[in-house]
Amino acid sequence: MHFLGKGFVRIHRSFIINSAFMTAFNNNEIIVNNHKIPVGRSYKQEFDALISSVSRNKLL
């Protein structure tokens, strides 16, 4: 996953999302406005770090 600034993140070779519009996620996809977007294998490790960071900030 590559952070592109202003909340945009590349999660797949074919997809860049604005993380502010992420409504749900699971281990291998993100849901944005009722659209399921896959997380690419090469972006998975960074995606997990992002989700961990988001989870910590939501709980505080």
PDB file of N, CA and C in Angstrom:
ATOM      1  N   MET A   1       0.863  -1.161   0.000  1.00  0.00           N
ATOM      2  CA  MET A   1       0.000   0.000   0.000  1.00  0.00           C
ATOM      3  C   MET A   1       0.904   1.218   0.000  1.00  0.00           C
ATOM      4  N   HIS A   2       0.546   2.155  -0.783  1.00  0.00           N
ATOM      5  CA  HIS A   2       1.352   3.364  -0.869  1.00  0.00           C
ATOM      6  C   HIS A   2       0.495   4.556  -0.522  1.00  0.00           C
ATOM      7  N   PHE A   3       0.951   5.327   0.476  1.00  0.00           N
ATOM      8  CA  PHE A   3       0.225   6.519   0.863  1.00  0.00           C
ATOM      9  C   PHE A   3       0.574   7.626  -0.120  1.00  0.00           C
ATOM     10  N   LEU A   4      -0.438   8.205  -0.731  1.00  0.00           N
ATOM     11  CA  LEU A   4      -0.233   9.177  -1.789  1.00  0.00           C
ATOM     12  C   LEU A   4      -0.531  10.607  -1.328  1.00  0.00           C
ATOM     13  N   GLY A   5      -0.809  10.787  -0.057  1.00  0.00           N
ATOM     14  CA  GLY A   5      -1.105  12.102   0.493  1.00  0.00           C
ATOM     15  C   GLY A   5      -2.587  12.423   0.422  1.00  0.00           C
ATOM     16  N   LYS A   6      -3.019  13.345   1.265  1.00  0.00           N
ATOM     17  CA  LYS A   6      -4.416  13.803   1.301  1.00  0.00           C
ATOM     18  C   LYS A   6      -5.401  12.672   1.519  1.00  0.00           C
ATOM     19  N   GLY A   7      -4.992  11.584   2.178  1.00  0.00           N
ATOM     20  CA  GLY A   7      -5.899  10.492   2.481  1.00  0.00           C
ATOM     21  C   GLY A   7      -6.016   9.426   1.405  1.00  0.00           C
ATOM     22  N   PHE A   8      -5.312   9.583   0.300  1.00  0.00           N
ATOM     23  CA  PHE A   8      -5.382   8.596  -0.775  1.00  0.00           C
ATOM     24  C   PHE A   8      -4.355   7.504  -0.562  1.00  0.00           C
ATOM     25  N   VAL A   9      -4.798   6.267  -0.814  1.00  0.00           N
ATOM     26  CA  VAL A   9      -3.957   5.095  -0.583  1.00  0.00           C
ATOM     27  C   VAL A   9      -4.124   4.129  -1.755  1.00  0.00           C
ATOM     28  N   ARG A  10      -3.006   3.610  -2.257  1.00  0.00           N
ATOM     29  CA  ARG A  10      -3.077   2.574  -3.286  1.00  0.00           C
ATOM     30  C   ARG A  10      -3.160   1.238  -2.575  1.00  0.00           C
ATOM     31  N   ILE A  11      -4.229   0.488  -2.845  1.00  0.00           N
ATOM     32  CA  ILE A  11      -4.419  -0.806  -2.190  1.00  0.00           C
ATOM     33  C   ILE A  11      -4.314  -1.969  -3.165  1.00  0.00           C
ATOM     34  N   HIS A  12      -4.188  -1.640  -4.428  1.00  0.00           N
ATOM     35  CA  HIS A  12      -4.150  -2.651  -5.481  1.00  0.00           C
ATOM     36  C   HIS A  12      -3.525  -1.978  -6.696  1.00  0.00           C
ATOM     37  N   ARG A  13      -2.956  -2.748  -7.563  1.00  0.00           N
ATOM     38  CA  ARG A  13      -2.349  -2.189  -8.771  1.00  0.00           C
ATOM     39  C   ARG A  13      -3.357  -1.355  -9.567  1.00  0.00           C
ATOM     40  N   SER A  14      -4.629  -1.714  -9.488  1.00  0.00           N
ATOM     41  CA  SER A  14      -5.671  -1.040 -10.262  1.00  0.00           C
ATOM     42  C   SER A  14      -6.518  -0.058  -9.461  1.00  0.00           C
ATOM     43  N   PHE A  15      -6.282   0.050  -8.149  1.00  0.00           N
ATOM     44  CA  PHE A  15      -7.168   0.874  -7.320  1.00  0.00           C
ATOM     45  C   PHE A  15      -6.415   1.794  -6.372  1.00  0.00           C
ATOM     46  N   ILE A  16      -6.867   3.039  -6.336  1.00  0.00           N
ATOM     47  CA  ILE A  16      -6.456   4.013  -5.334  1.00  0.00           C
ATOM     48  C   ILE A  16      -7.738   4.454  -4.651  1.00  0.00           C
ATOM     49  N   ILE A  17      -7.740   4.487  -3.318  1.00  0.00           N
ATOM     50  CA  ILE A  17      -8.947   4.897  -2.609  1.00  0.00           C
ATOM     51  C   ILE A  17      -8.649   6.092  -1.712  1.00  0.00           C
ATOM     52  N   ASN A  18      -9.692   6.814  -1.355  1.00  0.00           N
ATOM     53  CA  ASN A  18      -9.605   7.843  -0.335  1.00  0.00           C
ATOM     54  C   ASN A  18     -10.004   7.156   0.963  1.00  0.00           C
ATOM     55  N   SER A  19      -9.078   7.058   1.891  1.00  0.00           N
ATOM     56  CA  SER A  19      -9.334   6.286   3.113  1.00  0.00           C
ATOM     57  C   SER A  19     -10.463   6.875   3.956  1.00  0.00           C
ATOM     58  N   ALA A  20     -10.806   8.131   3.768  1.00  0.00           N
ATOM     59  CA  ALA A  20     -11.902   8.740   4.512  1.00  0.00           C
ATOM     60  C   ALA A  20     -13.253   8.134   4.130  1.00  0.00           C
ATOM     61  N   PHE A  21     -13.355   7.522   2.952  1.00  0.00           N
ATOM     62  CA  PHE A  21     -14.611   6.952   2.481  1.00  0.00           C
ATOM     63  C   PHE A  21     -14.694   5.445   2.675  1.00  0.00           C
ATOM     64  N   MET A  22     -13.705   4.867   3.343  1.00  0.00           N
ATOM     65  CA  MET A  22     -13.691   3.438   3.617  1.00  0.00           C
ATOM     66  C   MET A  22     -14.769   3.161   4.663  1.00  0.00           C
ATOM     67  N   THR A  23     -15.739   2.298   4.342  1.00  0.00           N
ATOM     68  CA  THR A  23     -16.833   2.038   5.276  1.00  0.00           C
ATOM     69  C   THR A  23     -16.676   0.717   6.018  1.00  0.00           C
ATOM     70  N   ALA A  24     -15.972  -0.239   5.448  1.00  0.00           N
ATOM     71  CA  ALA A  24     -15.752  -1.534   6.089  1.00  0.00           C
ATOM     72  C   ALA A  24     -14.561  -2.210   5.426  1.00  0.00           C
ATOM     73  N   PHE A  25     -14.079  -3.265   6.065  1.00  0.00           N
ATOM     74  CA  PHE A  25     -12.961  -4.019   5.500  1.00  0.00           C
ATOM     75  C   PHE A  25     -12.957  -5.403   6.106  1.00  0.00           C
ATOM     76  N   ASN A  26     -12.272  -6.319   5.432  1.00  0.00           N
ATOM     77  CA  ASN A  26     -11.961  -7.621   5.993  1.00  0.00           C
ATOM     78  C   ASN A  26     -10.538  -7.948   5.577  1.00  0.00           C
ATOM     79  N   ASN A  27     -10.125  -9.178   5.645  1.00  0.00           N
ATOM     80  CA  ASN A  27      -8.724  -9.525   5.382  1.00  0.00           C
ATOM     81  C   ASN A  27      -8.257  -9.258   3.967  1.00  0.00           C
ATOM     82  N   ASN A  28      -9.171  -9.277   2.994  1.00  0.00           N
ATOM     83  CA  ASN A  28      -8.699  -9.168   1.621  1.00  0.00           C
ATOM     84  C   ASN A  28      -9.476  -8.181   0.757  1.00  0.00           C
ATOM     85  N   GLU A  29     -10.354  -7.367   1.367  1.00  0.00           N
ATOM     86  CA  GLU A  29     -11.052  -6.362   0.582  1.00  0.00           C
ATOM     87  C   GLU A  29     -11.513  -5.197   1.455  1.00  0.00           C
ATOM     88  N   ILE A  30     -11.759  -4.087   0.806  1.00  0.00           N
ATOM     89  CA  ILE A  30     -12.245  -2.876   1.445  1.00  0.00           C
ATOM     90  C   ILE A  30     -13.569  -2.525   0.788  1.00  0.00           C
ATOM     91  N   ILE A  31     -14.491  -2.002   1.575  1.00  0.00           N
ATOM     92  CA  ILE A  31     -15.765  -1.560   1.010  1.00  0.00           C
ATOM     93  C   ILE A  31     -15.803  -0.038   1.053  1.00  0.00           C
ATOM     94  N   VAL A  32     -16.025   0.548  -0.114  1.00  0.00           N
ATOM     95  CA  VAL A  32     -16.142   1.995  -0.267  1.00  0.00           C
ATOM     96  C   VAL A  32     -17.430   2.256  -1.031  1.00  0.00           C
ATOM     97  N   ASN A  33     -18.361   2.937  -0.384  1.00  0.00           N
ATOM     98  CA  ASN A  33     -19.654   3.238  -1.027  1.00  0.00           C
ATOM     99  C   ASN A  33     -20.309   1.997  -1.639  1.00  0.00           C
ATOM    100  N   ASN A  34     -20.368   0.928  -0.872  1.00  0.00           N
ATOM    101  CA  ASN A  34     -20.988  -0.343  -1.286  1.00  0.00           C
ATOM    102  C   ASN A  34     -20.272  -1.039  -2.440  1.00  0.00           C
ATOM    103  N   HIS A  35     -19.036  -0.667  -2.715  1.00  0.00           N
ATOM    104  CA  HIS A  35     -18.222  -1.330  -3.738  1.00  0.00           C
ATOM    105  C   HIS A  35     -17.110  -2.096  -3.037  1.00  0.00           C
ATOM    106  N   LYS A  36     -17.002  -3.385  -3.336  1.00  0.00           N
ATOM    107  CA  LYS A  36     -15.937  -4.205  -2.773  1.00  0.00           C
ATOM    108  C   LYS A  36     -14.697  -4.060  -3.636  1.00  0.00           C
ATOM    109  N   ILE A  37     -13.598  -3.661  -2.994  1.00  0.00           N
ATOM    110  CA  ILE A  37     -12.338  -3.443  -3.704  1.00  0.00           C
ATOM    111  C   ILE A  37     -11.294  -4.377  -3.102  1.00  0.00           C
ATOM    112  N   PRO A  38     -10.663  -5.202  -3.917  1.00  0.00           N
ATOM    113  CA  PRO A  38      -9.679  -6.150  -3.386  1.00  0.00           C
ATOM    114  C   PRO A  38      -8.393  -5.449  -2.952  1.00  0.00           C
ATOM    115  N   VAL A  39      -7.736  -6.037  -1.949  1.00  0.00           N
ATOM    116  CA  VAL A  39      -6.419  -5.581  -1.526  1.00  0.00           C
ATOM    117  C   VAL A  39      -5.413  -6.494  -2.209  1.00  0.00           C
ATOM    118  N   GLY A  40      -4.515  -5.903  -2.971  1.00  0.00           N
ATOM    119  CA  GLY A  40      -3.520  -6.693  -3.691  1.00  0.00           C
ATOM    120  C   GLY A  40      -2.531  -7.370  -2.751  1.00  0.00           C
ATOM    121  N   ARG A  41      -2.012  -8.499  -3.156  1.00  0.00           N
ATOM    122  CA  ARG A  41      -1.063  -9.252  -2.319  1.00  0.00           C
ATOM    123  C   ARG A  41       0.139  -8.412  -1.929  1.00  0.00           C
ATOM    124  N   SER A  42       0.664  -7.646  -2.862  1.00  0.00           N
ATOM    125  CA  SER A  42       1.855  -6.850  -2.561  1.00  0.00           C
ATOM    126  C   SER A  42       1.556  -5.657  -1.664  1.00  0.00           C
ATOM    127  N   TYR A  43       0.295  -5.338  -1.453  1.00  0.00           N
ATOM    128  CA  TYR A  43      -0.106  -4.226  -0.601  1.00  0.00           C
ATOM    129  C   TYR A  43      -0.653  -4.694   0.748  1.00  0.00           C
ATOM    130  N   LYS A  44      -0.753  -5.985   0.959  1.00  0.00           N
ATOM    131  CA  LYS A  44      -1.410  -6.558   2.131  1.00  0.00           C
ATOM    132  C   LYS A  44      -0.734  -6.192   3.443  1.00  0.00           C
ATOM    133  N   GLN A  45       0.575  -6.270   3.517  1.00  0.00           N
ATOM    134  CA  GLN A  45       1.279  -5.996   4.763  1.00  0.00           C
ATOM    135  C   GLN A  45       1.070  -4.542   5.203  1.00  0.00           C
ATOM    136  N   GLU A  46       1.184  -3.616   4.276  1.00  0.00           N
ATOM    137  CA  GLU A  46       0.967  -2.212   4.606  1.00  0.00           C
ATOM    138  C   GLU A  46      -0.499  -1.944   4.937  1.00  0.00           C
ATOM    139  N   PHE A  47      -1.418  -2.654   4.279  1.00  0.00           N
ATOM    140  CA  PHE A  47      -2.838  -2.531   4.582  1.00  0.00           C
ATOM    141  C   PHE A  47      -3.101  -2.936   6.026  1.00  0.00           C
ATOM    142  N   ASP A  48      -2.511  -4.039   6.457  1.00  0.00           N
ATOM    143  CA  ASP A  48      -2.682  -4.495   7.831  1.00  0.00           C
ATOM    144  C   ASP A  48      -2.170  -3.441   8.822  1.00  0.00           C
ATOM    145  N   ALA A  49      -1.051  -2.795   8.501  1.00  0.00           N
ATOM    146  CA  ALA A  49      -0.518  -1.738   9.366  1.00  0.00           C
ATOM    147  C   ALA A  49      -1.475  -0.544   9.421  1.00  0.00           C
ATOM    148  N   LEU A  50      -2.069  -0.183   8.298  1.00  0.00           N
ATOM    149  CA  LEU A  50      -3.035   0.917   8.264  1.00  0.00           C
ATOM    150  C   LEU A  50      -4.246   0.594   9.125  1.00  0.00           C
ATOM    151  N   ILE A  51      -4.788  -0.600   8.985  1.00  0.00           N
ATOM    152  CA  ILE A  51      -5.966  -1.002   9.741  1.00  0.00           C
ATOM    153  C   ILE A  51      -5.637  -1.034  11.234  1.00  0.00           C
ATOM    154  N   SER A  52      -4.476  -1.508  11.576  1.00  0.00           N
ATOM    155  CA  SER A  52      -4.062  -1.525  12.979  1.00  0.00           C
ATOM    156  C   SER A  52      -3.979  -0.105  13.529  1.00  0.00           C
ATOM    157  N   SER A  53      -3.422   0.793  12.758  1.00  0.00           N
ATOM    158  CA  SER A  53      -3.319   2.194  13.161  1.00  0.00           C
ATOM    159  C   SER A  53      -4.694   2.828  13.321  1.00  0.00           C
ATOM    160  N   VAL A  54      -5.583   2.579  12.381  1.00  0.00           N
ATOM    161  CA  VAL A  54      -6.945   3.123  12.440  1.00  0.00           C
ATOM    162  C   VAL A  54      -7.670   2.571  13.657  1.00  0.00           C
ATOM    163  N   SER A  55      -7.507   1.290  13.925  1.00  0.00           N
ATOM    164  CA  SER A  55      -8.172   0.661  15.062  1.00  0.00           C
ATOM    165  C   SER A  55      -7.699   1.256  16.379  1.00  0.00           C
ATOM    166  N   ARG A  56      -6.407   1.486  16.516  1.00  0.00           N
ATOM    167  CA  ARG A  56      -5.871   2.089  17.751  1.00  0.00           C
ATOM    168  C   ARG A  56      -6.435   3.488  17.947  1.00  0.00           C
ATOM    169  N   ASN A  57      -6.507   4.272  16.891  1.00  0.00           N
ATOM    170  CA  ASN A  57      -6.984   5.651  17.001  1.00  0.00           C
ATOM    171  C   ASN A  57      -8.481   5.703  17.310  1.00  0.00           C
ATOM    172  N   LYS A  58      -9.265   4.761  16.819  1.00  0.00           N
ATOM    173  CA  LYS A  58     -10.698   4.730  17.084  1.00  0.00           C
ATOM    174  C   LYS A  58     -10.981   4.364  18.532  1.00  0.00           C
ATOM    175  N   LEU A  59     -10.125   3.537  19.118  1.00  0.00           N
ATOM    176  CA  LEU A  59     -10.357   3.079  20.471  1.00  0.00           C
ATOM    177  C   LEU A  59      -9.956   4.116  21.516  1.00  0.00           C
ATOM    178  N   LEU A  60      -9.095   5.047  21.158  1.00  0.00           N
ATOM    179  CA  LEU A  60      -8.620   6.055  22.126  1.00  0.00           C
ATOM    180  C   LEU A  60      -9.602   7.174  22.304  1.00  0.00           C
TER     181      LEU A  60
END
